[in-house]
C-alpha atoms as a PDB file:
ATOM      1  CA  MET A   1      67.678-135.813 -64.366  1.00  0.00           C
ATOM      2  CA  THR A   2      71.437-135.754 -64.709  1.00  0.00           C
ATOM      3  CA  ALA A   3      73.145-137.905 -67.315  1.00  0.00           C
ATOM      4  CA  LEU A   4      76.520-139.402 -66.467  1.00  0.00           C
ATOM      5  CA  GLY A   5      79.333-139.639 -68.921  1.00  0.00           C
ATOM      6  CA  LYS A   6      82.587-141.428 -68.255  1.00  0.00           C
ATOM      7  CA  SER A   7      83.607-140.700 -64.651  1.00  0.00           C
ATOM      8  CA  ASP A   8      81.680-137.447 -64.578  1.00  0.00           C
ATOM      9  CA  ALA A   9      81.359-136.569 -60.907  1.00  0.00           C
ATOM     10  CA  ASN A  10      80.755-132.894 -61.671  1.00  0.00           C
ATOM     11  CA  SER A  11      77.325-133.628 -63.127  1.00  0.00           C
ATOM     12  CA  LEU A  12      76.051-134.829 -59.724  1.00  0.00           C
ATOM     13  CA  ILE A  13      77.405-131.972 -57.607  1.00  0.00           C
ATOM     14  CA  PRO A  14      74.358-129.688 -58.123  1.00  0.00           C
ATOM     15  CA  ILE A  15      72.036-132.464 -56.916  1.00  0.00           C
ATOM     16  CA  PHE A  16      73.889-132.789 -53.616  1.00  0.00           C
ATOM     17  CA  GLU A  17      74.217-129.012 -53.234  1.00  0.00           C
ATOM     18  CA  GLU A  18      70.443-128.769 -53.656  1.00  0.00           C
ATOM     19  CA  ALA A  19      70.090-131.367 -50.866  1.00  0.00           C
ATOM     20  CA  GLY A  20      72.064-129.039 -48.567  1.00  0.00           C
ATOM     21  CA  CYS A  21      75.423-130.842 -48.697  1.00  0.00           C
ATOM     22  CA  GLN A  22      78.796-129.136 -48.651  1.00  0.00           C
ATOM     23  CA  ILE A  23      81.014-130.381 -51.485  1.00  0.00           C
ATOM     24  CA  GLU A  24      84.756-130.871 -50.984  1.00  0.00           C
ATOM     25  CA  ASN A  25      87.757-132.530 -52.636  1.00  0.00           C
ATOM     26  CA  VAL A  26      86.298-132.626 -56.139  1.00  0.00           C
ATOM     27  CA  CYS A  27      88.153-134.924 -58.530  1.00  0.00           C
ATOM     28  CA  GLU A  28      87.264-136.233 -61.977  1.00  0.00           C
ATOM     29  CA  ASP A  29      85.514-139.314 -60.621  1.00  0.00           C
ATOM     30  CA  SER A  30      84.765-138.497 -56.974  1.00  0.00           C
ATOM     31  CA  PHE A  31      83.978-135.847 -54.414  1.00  0.00           C
ATOM     32  CA  GLN A  32      83.225-135.661 -50.724  1.00  0.00           C
ATOM     33  CA  ILE A  33      79.898-134.559 -49.271  1.00  0.00           C
ATOM     34  CA  VAL A  34      79.021-133.444 -45.750  1.00  0.00           C
ATOM     35  CA  HIS A  35      75.489-132.604 -44.688  1.00  0.00           C
ATOM     36  CA  PRO A  36      75.324-129.944 -41.934  1.00  0.00           C
ATOM     37  CA  GLN A  37      72.651-131.818 -39.940  1.00  0.00           C
ATOM     38  CA  TYR A  38      74.545-135.123 -40.048  1.00  0.00           C
ATOM     39  CA  PRO A  39      78.219-134.282 -40.647  1.00  0.00           C
ATOM     40  CA  VAL A  40      79.559-137.690 -41.724  1.00  0.00           C
ATOM     41  CA  GLN A  41      82.322-137.394 -44.310  1.00  0.00           C
ATOM     42  CA  THR A  42      81.021-139.351 -47.281  1.00  0.00           C
ATOM     43  CA  LEU A  43      82.994-140.080 -50.431  1.00  0.00           C
ATOM     44  CA  VAL A  44      80.821-140.142 -53.556  1.00  0.00           C
ATOM     45  CA  TYR A  45      82.534-142.133 -56.297  1.00  0.00           C
ATOM     46  CA  VAL A  46      81.036-141.919 -59.783  1.00  0.00           C
ATOM     47  CA  THR A  47      81.518-143.976 -62.927  1.00  0.00           C
ATOM     48  CA  GLU A  48      79.363-144.268 -66.004  1.00  0.00           C
ATOM     49  CA  TYR A  49      77.777-147.401 -64.479  1.00  0.00           C
ATOM     50  CA  PHE A  50      77.302-146.608 -60.781  1.00  0.00           C
ATOM     51  CA  VAL A  51      77.323-144.070 -57.971  1.00  0.00           C
ATOM     52  CA  LYS A  52      78.846-145.236 -54.688  1.00  0.00           C
ATOM     53  CA  PHE A  53      78.609-143.657 -51.220  1.00  0.00           C
ATOM     54  CA  SER A  54      81.364-144.720 -48.839  1.00  0.00           C
ATOM     55  CA  THR A  55      82.792-143.886 -45.404  1.00  0.00           C
ATOM     56  CA  VAL A  56      84.904-145.477 -42.696  1.00  0.00           C
ATOM     57  CA  VAL A  57      83.376-146.673 -39.428  1.00  0.00           C
ATOM     58  CA  ILE A  58      85.524-147.612 -36.448  1.00  0.00           C
ATOM     59  CA  ALA A  59      84.021-150.131 -34.039  1.00  0.00           C
ATOM     60  CA  VAL A  60      85.674-150.127 -30.624  1.00  0.00           C
ATOM     61  CA  ALA A  61      84.978-153.102 -28.381  1.00  0.00           C
ATOM     62  CA  SER A  62      83.548-152.298 -24.950  1.00  0.00           C
ATOM     63  CA  GLY A  63      85.488-154.027 -22.180  1.00  0.00           C
ATOM     64  CA  TRP A  64      87.686-156.392 -24.225  1.00  0.00           C
ATOM     65  CA  ARG A  65      90.465-156.287 -26.805  1.00  0.00           C
ATOM     66  CA  PRO A  66      89.385-156.520 -30.450  1.00  0.00           C
ATOM     67  CA  GLN A  67      91.255-159.713 -31.318  1.00  0.00           C
ATOM     68  CA  SER A  68      88.326-162.029 -31.816  1.00  0.00           C
ATOM     69  CA  LEU A  69      87.270-162.222 -35.449  1.00  0.00           C
ATOM     70  CA  SER A  70      84.072-163.962 -34.397  1.00  0.00           C
ATOM     71  CA  ARG A  71      83.000-160.767 -32.604  1.00  0.00           C
ATOM     72  CA  LEU A  72      83.863-158.700 -35.669  1.00  0.00           C
ATOM     73  CA  ASN A  73      81.833-161.040 -37.873  1.00  0.00           C
ATOM     74  CA  SER A  74      78.962-160.908 -35.398  1.00  0.00           C
ATOM     75  CA  PHE A  75      79.063-157.097 -35.420  1.00  0.00           C
ATOM     76  CA  LEU A  76      79.096-157.002 -39.230  1.00  0.00           C
ATOM     77  CA  SER A  77      76.243-159.500 -39.422  1.00  0.00           C
ATOM     78  CA  ARG A  78      74.073-157.518 -36.982  1.00  0.00           C
ATOM     79  CA  SER A  79      74.862-154.216 -38.701  1.00  0.00           C
ATOM     80  CA  ASN A  80      74.071-155.591 -42.151  1.00  0.00           C
ATOM     81  CA  SER A  81      70.825-157.200 -41.013  1.00  0.00           C
ATOM     82  CA  LYS A  82      69.611-153.876 -39.534  1.00  0.00           C
ATOM     83  CA  ALA A  83      70.608-151.729 -42.517  1.00  0.00           C
ATOM     84  CA  ASN A  84      68.182-150.880 -45.305  1.00  0.00           C
ATOM     85  CA  LEU A  85      70.797-150.118 -47.981  1.00  0.00           C
ATOM     86  CA  VAL A  86      74.257-149.793 -46.470  1.00  0.00           C
ATOM     87  CA  LYS A  87      76.673-152.726 -46.596  1.00  0.00           C
ATOM     88  CA  PHE A  88      79.212-152.946 -43.759  1.00  0.00           C
ATOM     89  CA  ILE A  89      82.376-154.911 -44.594  1.00  0.00           C
ATOM     90  CA  ASP A  90      85.677-155.687 -42.860  1.00  0.00           C
ATOM     91  CA  GLY A  91      88.106-152.898 -43.747  1.00  0.00           C
ATOM     92  CA  ARG A  92      91.257-154.319 -42.166  1.00  0.00           C
ATOM     93  CA  GLU A  93      92.923-155.072 -45.513  1.00  0.00           C
ATOM     94  CA  GLU A  94      91.971-151.703 -46.980  1.00  0.00           C
ATOM     95  CA  PHE A  95      92.745-149.476 -43.966  1.00  0.00           C
ATOM     96  CA  GLY A  96      95.029-151.589 -41.794  1.00  0.00           C
ATOM     97  CA  VAL A  97      94.573-152.861 -38.260  1.00  0.00           C
ATOM     98  CA  ARG A  98      94.008-150.625 -35.233  1.00  0.00           C
ATOM     99  CA  GLU A  99      94.787-151.587 -31.661  1.00  0.00           C
ATOM    100  CA  GLU A 100      91.676-149.907 -30.295  1.00  0.00           C
ATOM    101  CA  GLY A 101      89.098-151.163 -32.776  1.00  0.00           C
ATOM    102  CA  TRP A 102      88.192-152.345 -36.248  1.00  0.00           C
ATOM    103  CA  ASN A 103      88.096-150.353 -39.456  1.00  0.00           C
ATOM    104  CA  ILE A 104      84.869-151.047 -41.281  1.00  0.00           C
ATOM    105  CA  ARG A 105      83.880-149.830 -44.735  1.00  0.00           C
ATOM    106  CA  ALA A 106      80.273-148.668 -44.964  1.00  0.00           C
ATOM    107  CA  SER A 107      79.058-148.246 -48.525  1.00  0.00           C
ATOM    108  CA  VAL A 108      76.090-148.339 -50.824  1.00  0.00           C
ATOM    109  CA  MET A 109      76.275-148.576 -54.593  1.00  0.00           C
ATOM    110  CA  LEU A 110      73.595-147.486 -57.052  1.00  0.00           C
ATOM    111  CA  ILE A 111      74.217-149.555 -60.145  1.00  0.00           C
ATOM    112  CA  THR A 112      72.739-148.264 -63.376  1.00  0.00           C
ATOM    113  CA  GLY A 113      74.072-150.957 -65.697  1.00  0.00           C
ATOM    114  CA  ALA A 114      73.997-148.590 -68.644  1.00  0.00           C
ATOM    115  CA  GLU A 115      76.506-145.979 -69.679  1.00  0.00           C
ATOM    116  CA  GLY A 116      75.219-142.427 -69.485  1.00  0.00           C
ATOM    117  CA  TYR A 117      72.230-143.305 -67.307  1.00  0.00           C
ATOM    118  CA  SER A 118      70.351-140.346 -65.859  1.00  0.00           C
ATOM    119  CA  HIS A 119      70.000-139.952 -62.090  1.00  0.00           C
ATOM    120  CA  ASP A 120      66.932-138.329 -60.647  1.00  0.00           C
ATOM    121  CA  ALA A 121      67.660-135.692 -57.980  1.00  0.00           C
ATOM    122  CA  GLU A 122      64.790-136.852 -55.773  1.00  0.00           C
ATOM    123  CA  ALA A 123      65.933-140.473 -55.925  1.00  0.00           C
ATOM    124  CA  LEU A 124      69.524-139.569 -54.977  1.00  0.00           C
ATOM    125  CA  GLY A 125      68.173-137.397 -52.153  1.00  0.00           C
ATOM    126  CA  ASN A 126      66.153-140.356 -50.856  1.00  0.00           C
ATOM    127  CA  VAL A 127      69.197-142.642 -51.001  1.00  0.00           C
ATOM    128  CA  LEU A 128      71.202-139.995 -49.120  1.00  0.00           C
ATOM    129  CA  ASN A 129      68.536-139.931 -46.377  1.00  0.00           C
ATOM    130  CA  ILE A 130      68.507-143.733 -46.072  1.00  0.00           C
ATOM    131  CA  TRP A 131      72.335-143.684 -46.026  1.00  0.00           C
ATOM    132  CA  LYS A 132      72.292-141.292 -43.064  1.00  0.00           C
ATOM    133  CA  GLN A 133      69.586-143.320 -41.295  1.00  0.00           C
ATOM    134  CA  ASP A 134      71.482-146.610 -41.681  1.00  0.00           C
ATOM    135  CA  LEU A 135      74.688-145.079 -40.298  1.00  0.00           C
ATOM    136  CA  ALA A 136      72.811-143.538 -37.369  1.00  0.00           C
ATOM    137  CA  GLU A 137      71.150-146.882 -36.588  1.00  0.00           C
ATOM    138  CA  CYS A 138      74.552-148.579 -36.522  1.00  0.00           C
ATOM    139  CA  VAL A 139      75.857-146.022 -34.026  1.00  0.00           C
ATOM    140  CA  LEU A 140      72.782-145.850 -31.785  1.00  0.00           C
ATOM    141  CA  VAL A 141      71.690-149.465 -31.549  1.00  0.00           C
ATOM    142  CA  GLU A 142      75.016-151.189 -30.945  1.00  0.00           C
ATOM    143  CA  ASP A 143      75.661-151.992 -27.274  1.00  0.00           C
ATOM    144  CA  GLU A 144      78.734-154.236 -27.387  1.00  0.00           C
ATOM    145  CA  PHE A 145      80.782-151.656 -29.314  1.00  0.00           C
ATOM    146  CA  THR A 146      81.311-147.931 -29.391  1.00  0.00           C
ATOM    147  CA  VAL A 147      80.955-146.918 -33.033  1.00  0.00           C
ATOM    148  CA  HIS A 148      82.769-143.871 -34.427  1.00  0.00           C
ATOM    149  CA  LEU A 149      82.073-142.256 -37.790  1.00  0.00           C
ATOM    150  CA  MET A 150      84.358-139.957 -39.748  1.00  0.00           C
ATOM    151  CA  LEU A 151      82.748-136.637 -38.831  1.00  0.00           C
ATOM    152  CA  LYS A 152      83.475-133.233 -40.260  1.00  0.00           C
ATOM    153  CA  GLU A 153      84.640-130.916 -37.492  1.00  0.00           C
END
């Protein structure tokens, strides 16, 4: 188990390396992981109270212009109802508006509620697997949109 101090991202890096992830862009409170079998760029943000996985998803409408917010809300609702852990939210304010599609923030947060809580490597590995599964489901199941993830090339 790995105990977290204030914004101590470095304490979690060995857990993700053991899970086969490449670690990049290490900062005091965050780092980026990429798994070779599912190369989605995932930001891992760490505080003393939670660990958050986050990435950007771009949903491109098939056959119509993405101006209808009702279609965006419908997409978000369907994606969230299918997901086991991941929460998909409108990212227009955070990332701006695109002509070709919508920016969507996909994230999951593991809240400990206690400073210095210890994270089990197996539990974080399981969350990482569910994270990848939820993102894959969003991409594969959607028929009204083409869904793009931020992939490592």
